[in-house]
Amino acid sequence: MSDTLQHDVGSRHIDACCSHIRCARSCMLESRMPDIAVNLERVRERIARAAERAGRRGDDVLLIGVSKTVEVERIRAAVAAGLRVLGENRVQEAKVKIAELGRPAAWHLIGHLQTNKVKDALELFDVIHSLDRVELAHELQRRAAARTQVVEALLQVNVAGEPSKGGFGPETVGEALDAIGKLPHVQVTGLMAIPPEVERAEEARPWFRRMRALAERHGLRRLSMGMSGDFEVAIEEGATMVRVGTAIFGPRPPRTAGA
């Protein structure tokens, strides 16, 4: 067989393999799409029941579908099923997704925000949950003023004082609010927290209670807390926003080295 013929045969074989892989991946994704609609409905039902137990309405709780590492096709399926808010952890990942999906839902930044990403974040996100330092507030102010924009943000609280997590200590929330309150283009409407990991959701209840007390003390109406494993307890303790990913989209793929 000539080299040219071998090359053509090899190329066709590679193309066929690639086509097969794409088809298999597409079929796998499509087979999981109905699950997303079912999962979303189950999460809504759980939110409604938890809110009812707390003497509130399910509509009082904003569901944020955490779409980090989730394929665009699955996000689109969740939006088609009625999901109205998406939460992303990384500015760059969100930028790619928003370029493809547009804005069929509101986009919230729920992960750490570096000061050098503020310009992009203001263009991409409707709400920033992770205002975790005064320096960041000043950069938001500078960039938002240039855009004649007021950015809505939540103050991130390190409720348990964990060294591995950012955010203001509970005892410094008042001081931080006073400082940020002088920035006309940054509007803090609530608090956000990620309590310590626990084996049982009930074990997070004291942290959620502490967050609710902080929000009430400072007259803040929004309280972002609770994820797939504990959002019902969070709602019972006063959460107005819950960040749910796995319970809607399923388990996330393991992160590759360097990702």
Protein backbone atom coordinates (compact mmCIF):
# COMPACT_ATOMS: atom_id res chain seq x y z
CA MET A 1 0.00 0.00 0.00
CA SER A 2 1.38 3.41 -0.95
CA ASP A 3 2.15 6.03 1.67
CA THR A 4 -0.57 8.28 0.24
CA LEU A 5 -3.18 5.53 0.40
CA GLN A 6 -2.12 4.60 3.91
CA HIS A 7 -2.44 8.24 4.93
CA ASP A 8 -5.95 8.51 3.42
CA VAL A 9 -7.10 5.30 5.10
CA GLY A 10 -5.61 6.40 8.41
CA SER A 11 -7.23 9.81 8.16
CA ARG A 12 -10.63 8.29 7.42
CA HIS A 13 -10.20 5.94 10.38
CA ILE A 14 -9.34 8.84 12.70
CA ASP A 15 -12.27 10.90 11.41
CA ALA A 16 -14.61 7.96 11.94
CA CYS A 17 -13.31 7.44 15.49
CA CYS A 18 -13.67 11.13 16.32
CA SER A 19 -17.18 11.16 14.87
CA HIS A 20 -18.05 8.08 16.95
CA ILE A 21 -16.68 9.71 20.12
CA ARG A 22 -18.60 12.96 19.47
CA CYS A 23 -21.77 10.98 18.78
CA ALA A 24 -21.37 8.90 21.94
CA ARG A 25 -20.74 12.03 24.04
CA SER A 26 -23.73 13.79 22.49
CA CYS A 27 -25.99 10.77 23.10
CA MET A 28 -24.77 10.53 26.69
CA LEU A 29 -25.52 14.22 27.29
CA GLU A 30 -28.94 13.98 25.64
CA SER A 31 -29.81 10.95 27.75
CA ARG A 32 -29.12 13.01 30.89
CA MET A 33 -31.16 16.05 29.84
CA PRO A 34 -34.53 14.76 31.13
CA ASP A 35 -32.84 14.07 34.47
CA ILE A 36 -31.98 17.75 34.79
CA ALA A 37 -35.62 18.80 34.45
CA VAL A 38 -36.65 16.15 36.98
CA ASN A 39 -33.86 17.13 39.36
CA LEU A 40 -34.79 20.79 39.10
CA GLU A 41 -38.41 20.06 39.94
CA ARG A 42 -37.38 17.95 42.94
CA VAL A 43 -35.13 20.74 44.23
CA ARG A 44 -37.97 23.24 43.89
CA GLU A 45 -40.27 20.93 45.83
CA ARG A 46 -37.67 20.57 48.60
CA ILE A 47 -37.25 24.34 48.73
CA ALA A 48 -41.01 24.82 49.02
CA ARG A 49 -41.32 22.28 51.83
CA ALA A 50 -38.36 23.73 53.76
CA ALA A 51 -39.76 27.24 53.39
CA GLU A 52 -43.16 26.06 54.59
CA ARG A 53 -41.60 24.52 57.68
CA ALA A 54 -40.08 27.92 58.43
CA GLY A 55 -43.37 29.75 57.92
CA ARG A 56 -42.26 31.21 54.60
CA ARG A 57 -43.12 30.81 50.94
CA GLY A 58 -40.99 28.90 48.46
CA ASP A 59 -41.02 31.98 46.24
CA ASP A 60 -39.15 33.85 48.99
CA VAL A 61 -36.06 31.74 48.23
CA LEU A 62 -34.01 32.36 45.09
CA LEU A 63 -32.57 29.19 43.57
CA ILE A 64 -29.15 29.65 41.99
CA GLY A 65 -28.10 26.76 39.78
CA VAL A 66 -24.35 26.36 40.24
CA SER A 67 -23.12 25.63 36.73
CA LYS A 68 -19.34 25.56 37.25
CA THR A 69 -17.73 22.80 35.14
CA VAL A 70 -21.16 21.97 33.66
CA GLU A 71 -21.39 21.60 29.88
CA VAL A 72 -23.30 24.27 27.97
CA GLU A 73 -25.81 21.70 26.68
CA ARG A 74 -26.82 20.78 30.23
CA ILE A 75 -27.05 24.42 31.31
CA ARG A 76 -29.28 25.10 28.34
CA ALA A 77 -31.51 22.18 29.37
CA ALA A 78 -31.83 23.56 32.91
CA VAL A 79 -32.76 26.99 31.59
CA ALA A 80 -35.34 25.41 29.28
CA ALA A 81 -36.77 23.66 32.36
CA GLY A 82 -37.20 27.00 34.09
CA LEU A 83 -33.95 27.74 35.93
CA ARG A 84 -33.67 31.53 36.10
CA VAL A 85 -30.33 32.16 37.85
CA LEU A 86 -26.93 30.60 37.18
CA GLY A 87 -23.93 30.73 39.49
CA GLU A 88 -20.33 30.54 38.33
CA ASN A 89 -17.11 30.40 40.33
CA ARG A 90 -14.62 31.60 37.75
CA VAL A 91 -14.77 34.72 35.61
CA GLN A 92 -13.02 33.15 32.63
CA GLU A 93 -15.25 30.08 32.55
CA ALA A 94 -18.35 32.25 32.78
CA LYS A 95 -17.09 34.48 29.98
CA VAL A 96 -16.91 31.53 27.59
CA LYS A 97 -20.35 30.23 28.58
CA ILE A 98 -22.06 33.61 28.37
CA ALA A 99 -20.56 34.18 24.93
CA GLU A 100 -22.24 30.96 23.79
CA LEU A 101 -25.47 31.03 25.82
CA GLY A 102 -26.17 34.73 26.07
CA ARG A 103 -28.39 35.83 28.93
CA PRO A 104 -31.43 33.55 29.12
CA ALA A 105 -30.93 33.71 32.89
CA ALA A 106 -29.26 36.02 35.40
CA TRP A 107 -25.60 35.26 36.13
CA HIS A 108 -24.20 35.46 39.66
CA LEU A 109 -20.53 35.22 40.62
CA ILE A 110 -20.27 32.97 43.67
CA GLY A 111 -16.52 32.33 43.68
CA HIS A 112 -13.48 34.35 44.68
CA LEU A 113 -12.94 37.51 42.64
CA GLN A 114 -9.44 38.77 41.96
CA THR A 115 -9.07 42.54 41.60
CA ASN A 116 -7.60 42.14 38.11
CA LYS A 117 -10.82 40.38 37.02
CA VAL A 118 -13.21 43.10 38.23
CA LYS A 119 -13.61 44.76 34.83
CA ASP A 120 -14.75 41.51 33.22
CA ALA A 121 -16.90 40.58 36.23
CA LEU A 122 -18.88 43.81 35.97
CA GLU A 123 -19.60 43.10 32.33
CA LEU A 124 -20.68 39.52 32.99
CA PHE A 125 -22.48 39.26 36.32
CA ASP A 126 -25.68 40.69 37.76
CA VAL A 127 -24.72 40.03 41.40
CA ILE A 128 -21.39 39.32 43.09
CA HIS A 129 -21.68 37.08 46.16
CA SER A 130 -18.02 37.15 47.14
CA LEU A 131 -17.14 40.66 48.28
CA ASP A 132 -14.56 39.48 50.78
CA ARG A 133 -12.26 42.47 51.36
CA VAL A 134 -12.40 46.25 51.36
CA GLU A 135 -9.68 46.44 48.70
CA LEU A 136 -12.00 44.60 46.33
CA ALA A 137 -14.85 46.99 47.15
CA HIS A 138 -12.68 49.95 46.15
CA GLU A 139 -11.79 48.32 42.83
CA LEU A 140 -15.47 47.57 42.20
CA GLN A 141 -16.24 51.20 42.97
CA ARG A 142 -13.57 52.47 40.57
CA ARG A 143 -14.61 50.23 37.71
CA ALA A 144 -18.35 50.61 38.27
CA ALA A 145 -18.08 54.41 38.42
CA ALA A 146 -16.36 54.39 35.03
CA ARG A 147 -19.35 52.46 33.68
CA THR A 148 -21.90 54.64 35.53
CA GLN A 149 -23.09 51.39 37.07
CA VAL A 150 -24.10 50.34 40.56
CA VAL A 151 -22.98 46.82 41.35
CA GLU A 152 -25.01 44.67 43.71
CA ALA A 153 -22.82 42.63 46.03
CA LEU A 154 -23.06 40.38 49.06
CA LEU A 155 -20.52 40.59 51.85
CA GLN A 156 -18.76 37.25 52.25
CA VAL A 157 -18.49 36.23 55.90
CA ASN A 158 -15.98 33.70 57.18
CA VAL A 159 -18.51 32.58 59.75
CA ALA A 160 -16.27 29.99 61.43
CA GLY A 161 -12.98 31.87 61.10
CA GLU A 162 -11.43 29.16 58.92
CA PRO A 163 -7.89 30.03 57.74
CA SER A 164 -8.52 28.38 54.36
CA LYS A 165 -11.45 30.66 53.52
CA GLY A 166 -11.71 34.33 52.68
CA GLY A 167 -14.26 36.77 53.96
CA PHE A 168 -14.87 39.12 56.85
CA GLY A 169 -14.99 37.80 60.39
CA PRO A 170 -18.45 38.12 61.98
CA GLU A 171 -17.10 40.70 64.39
CA THR A 172 -15.83 42.93 61.54
CA VAL A 173 -19.00 42.94 59.41
CA GLY A 174 -20.25 46.23 60.84
CA GLU A 175 -16.94 47.98 60.25
CA ALA A 176 -16.78 46.64 56.69
CA LEU A 177 -20.33 47.75 55.93
CA ASP A 178 -19.54 51.23 57.21
CA ALA A 179 -16.49 51.49 54.96
CA ILE A 180 -18.18 50.09 51.87
CA GLY A 181 -21.31 52.14 52.51
CA LYS A 182 -19.29 55.23 51.53
CA LEU A 183 -18.82 53.86 48.01
CA PRO A 184 -21.81 55.01 45.94
CA HIS A 185 -21.33 52.50 43.12
CA VAL A 186 -21.23 49.42 45.38
CA GLN A 187 -24.51 48.36 46.98
CA VAL A 188 -24.28 45.63 49.61
CA THR A 189 -27.69 43.97 49.88
CA GLY A 190 -26.85 40.93 51.99
CA LEU A 191 -24.40 38.40 53.34
CA MET A 192 -22.95 35.18 51.95
CA ALA A 193 -21.23 32.33 53.75
CA ILE A 194 -19.81 28.86 53.18
CA PRO A 195 -19.90 27.15 56.61
CA PRO A 196 -17.43 24.40 57.53
CA GLU A 197 -17.96 21.01 55.93
CA VAL A 198 -20.06 18.70 58.06
CA GLU A 199 -21.13 15.07 57.83
CA ARG A 200 -24.81 15.82 58.48
CA ALA A 201 -26.71 18.88 57.30
CA GLU A 202 -28.08 19.44 60.82
CA GLU A 203 -24.56 20.13 62.05
CA ALA A 204 -24.46 23.29 59.92
CA ARG A 205 -27.55 24.75 61.59
CA PRO A 206 -25.66 26.82 64.22
CA TRP A 207 -23.61 28.52 61.49
CA PHE A 208 -26.73 29.36 59.51
CA ARG A 209 -28.37 30.76 62.63
CA ARG A 210 -25.36 32.94 63.28
CA MET A 211 -25.54 34.28 59.73
CA ARG A 212 -29.23 35.07 60.05
CA ALA A 213 -28.56 36.96 63.29
CA LEU A 214 -25.80 38.95 61.57
CA ALA A 215 -28.05 39.86 58.66
CA GLU A 216 -30.86 40.94 60.97
CA ARG A 217 -28.49 42.96 63.14
CA HIS A 218 -27.29 44.93 60.15
CA GLY A 219 -30.63 45.25 58.40
CA LEU A 220 -29.67 43.22 55.33
CA ARG A 221 -32.41 41.48 53.39
CA ARG A 222 -30.49 38.89 51.36
CA LEU A 223 -28.78 35.85 52.82
CA SER A 224 -26.91 33.50 50.47
CA MET A 225 -26.16 30.21 52.19
CA GLY A 226 -26.84 26.54 51.69
CA MET A 227 -25.72 24.16 48.94
CA SER A 228 -26.85 20.77 47.61
CA GLY A 229 -26.15 18.93 50.87
CA ASP A 230 -27.69 21.39 53.32
CA PHE A 231 -29.89 23.93 51.55
CA GLU A 232 -33.06 22.79 53.32
CA VAL A 233 -31.55 23.46 56.75
CA ALA A 234 -30.26 26.80 55.45
CA ILE A 235 -33.75 27.78 54.32
CA GLU A 236 -35.22 26.78 57.68
CA GLU A 237 -32.70 29.13 59.28
CA GLY A 238 -33.39 32.09 57.02
CA ALA A 239 -31.58 31.70 53.68
CA THR A 240 -33.10 33.79 50.90
CA MET A 241 -30.69 32.48 48.25
CA VAL A 242 -29.41 28.90 47.92
CA ARG A 243 -26.59 27.75 45.65
CA VAL A 244 -27.40 24.29 44.31
CA GLY A 245 -25.28 22.48 41.73
CA THR A 246 -24.98 18.71 42.13
CA ALA A 247 -28.64 18.21 43.06
CA ILE A 248 -29.60 19.75 39.70
CA PHE A 249 -26.79 18.87 37.30
CA GLY A 250 -25.49 15.67 38.87
CA PRO A 251 -21.96 14.87 40.09
CA ARG A 252 -19.20 17.04 38.70
CA PRO A 253 -16.35 15.50 36.73
CA PRO A 254 -13.06 15.34 38.66
CA ARG A 255 -10.79 18.30 38.06
CA THR A 256 -7.73 17.55 35.98
CA ALA A 257 -4.29 18.61 37.15
CA GLY A 258 -3.72 22.29 36.60
CA ALA A 259 -7.44 23.00 35.99
